Protein backbone atom coordinates (compact mmCIF):
# COMPACT_ATOMS: atom_id res chain seq x y z
CA MET A 1 -152.18 -3.73 73.75
CA LEU A 2 -151.36 -7.37 73.08
CA LEU A 3 -149.32 -8.25 70.45
CA CYS A 4 -149.35 -11.55 68.69
CA GLY A 5 -148.21 -13.10 65.35
CA HIS A 6 -150.21 -15.13 63.39
CA SER A 7 -148.63 -18.48 64.89
CA GLU A 8 -150.19 -17.41 68.29
CA ILE A 9 -153.64 -16.19 66.95
CA VAL A 10 -154.27 -19.48 65.21
CA ARG A 11 -153.37 -21.57 68.12
CA HIS A 12 -155.25 -19.56 70.51
CA HIS A 13 -158.53 -19.92 68.52
CA LEU A 14 -157.71 -23.95 68.51
CA ASP A 15 -158.22 -24.03 72.11
CA GLN A 16 -159.32 -20.82 73.66
CA VAL A 17 -159.85 -21.82 77.33
CA ARG A 18 -156.39 -23.55 77.40
CA SER A 19 -154.64 -20.67 75.91
CA PHE A 20 -156.33 -17.92 78.23
CA LYS A 21 -155.50 -19.93 81.30
CA ASN A 22 -152.00 -20.52 80.31
CA TYR A 23 -151.30 -16.78 78.91
CA ASP A 24 -148.03 -15.59 79.84
CA LEU A 25 -148.33 -12.13 81.38
CA ALA A 26 -144.45 -11.30 80.35
CA ASN A 27 -145.81 -11.31 76.63
CA PHE A 28 -148.01 -8.41 77.40
CA VAL A 29 -147.08 -5.14 75.75
CA ALA A 30 -149.04 -1.92 76.37
CA PRO A 31 -148.07 1.71 76.54
CA TYR A 32 -146.95 2.60 80.38
CA ARG A 33 -149.64 4.47 82.40
CA SER A 34 -148.85 4.72 86.12
CA ASP A 35 -152.26 5.17 86.92
CA LEU A 36 -153.11 1.64 85.39
CA GLU A 37 -150.13 -0.15 86.37
CA SER A 38 -151.87 -1.61 89.66
CA VAL A 39 -154.61 -2.94 87.72
CA ASP A 40 -153.17 -4.12 84.46
CA PHE A 41 -153.29 -7.67 85.67
CA PHE A 42 -156.02 -7.53 87.99
CA VAL A 43 -158.15 -10.15 86.60
CA MET A 44 -155.39 -12.58 85.37
CA ASP A 45 -153.99 -12.37 89.02
CA SER A 46 -157.43 -13.52 90.20
CA PRO A 47 -158.07 -17.30 89.66
CA LYS A 48 -161.79 -16.64 90.18
CA LEU A 49 -162.09 -14.51 87.79
CA VAL A 50 -159.95 -16.17 85.42
CA GLN A 51 -162.28 -19.46 85.93
CA GLY A 52 -165.20 -17.24 85.53
CA ILE A 53 -164.18 -16.04 82.33
CA ALA A 54 -163.37 -19.74 81.12
CA LYS A 55 -166.49 -20.79 82.05
CA ALA A 56 -168.25 -18.19 80.15
CA ASN A 57 -166.55 -19.20 76.89
CA GLU A 58 -169.12 -20.26 74.13
CA LEU A 59 -166.35 -21.58 71.98
CA ARG A 60 -165.59 -25.13 71.66
CA PRO A 61 -161.92 -26.18 70.89
CA ASN A 62 -161.18 -27.19 67.53
CA ARG A 63 -158.70 -30.06 67.33
CA ARG A 64 -159.77 -31.36 63.89
CA LEU A 65 -156.96 -29.34 62.24
CA THR A 66 -153.34 -31.28 61.97
CA GLU A 67 -150.22 -29.94 62.47
CA PRO A 68 -149.76 -29.36 58.25
CA GLU A 69 -152.83 -27.69 58.17
CA ILE A 70 -152.39 -25.21 60.82
CA ARG A 71 -149.01 -24.42 59.33
CA ASP A 72 -150.26 -24.13 56.05
CA LEU A 73 -153.13 -21.47 57.45
CA ILE A 74 -150.32 -19.40 59.29
CA ALA A 75 -148.62 -19.59 55.90
CA PHE A 76 -151.72 -18.07 54.19
CA LEU A 77 -152.32 -15.45 56.91
CA GLN A 78 -148.65 -14.13 56.44
CA ASP A 79 -148.98 -14.02 52.84
CA GLU A 80 -152.20 -12.17 53.04
CA THR A 81 -150.74 -9.75 55.33
CA ALA A 82 -147.82 -9.10 53.13
CA LEU A 83 -150.30 -8.60 50.14
CA SER A 84 -152.13 -6.05 52.02
CA TYR A 85 -149.38 -4.06 53.20
CA ALA A 86 -147.99 -4.01 49.51
CA LYS A 87 -151.28 -2.85 48.34
CA ILE A 88 -151.62 -0.11 50.77
CA GLY A 89 -148.03 1.11 50.44
CA PHE A 90 -147.24 1.23 54.02
CA GLY A 91 -149.55 4.35 54.61
CA ILE A 92 -147.33 6.18 52.24
CA ASP A 93 -149.34 8.18 49.49
CA SER A 94 -149.72 6.55 46.58
CA ARG A 95 -148.85 9.67 44.28
CA LEU A 96 -145.49 9.54 45.77
CA PRO A 97 -142.73 7.61 44.09
CA VAL A 98 -141.41 4.80 46.15
CA SER A 99 -138.27 2.82 45.56
CA TRP A 100 -138.06 -0.39 46.96
CA GLY A 101 -134.11 -0.83 46.64
CA GLY A 102 -132.48 -3.75 45.54
């Protein structure tokens, strides 16, 4: 399971191939399974496979966004995520009283 923040997701989609080729495997987070440990990085450890995936990419880099626009997009996504969590009550049954403290 790959865990990313909004910033990483947005920046990845601005130049997918560069992001893919420069992915830091230290950021990989997944439940441990001894039967998968030897193959977790099979593709990323193979320059030939990495190049094949990069070559097959059909998306073009998007370099039209300015840095302030990127920051605005990330802020928007963070706000929308917060609103989504507020609407669903973090999975708490809506019939239960919720105290937000304060």
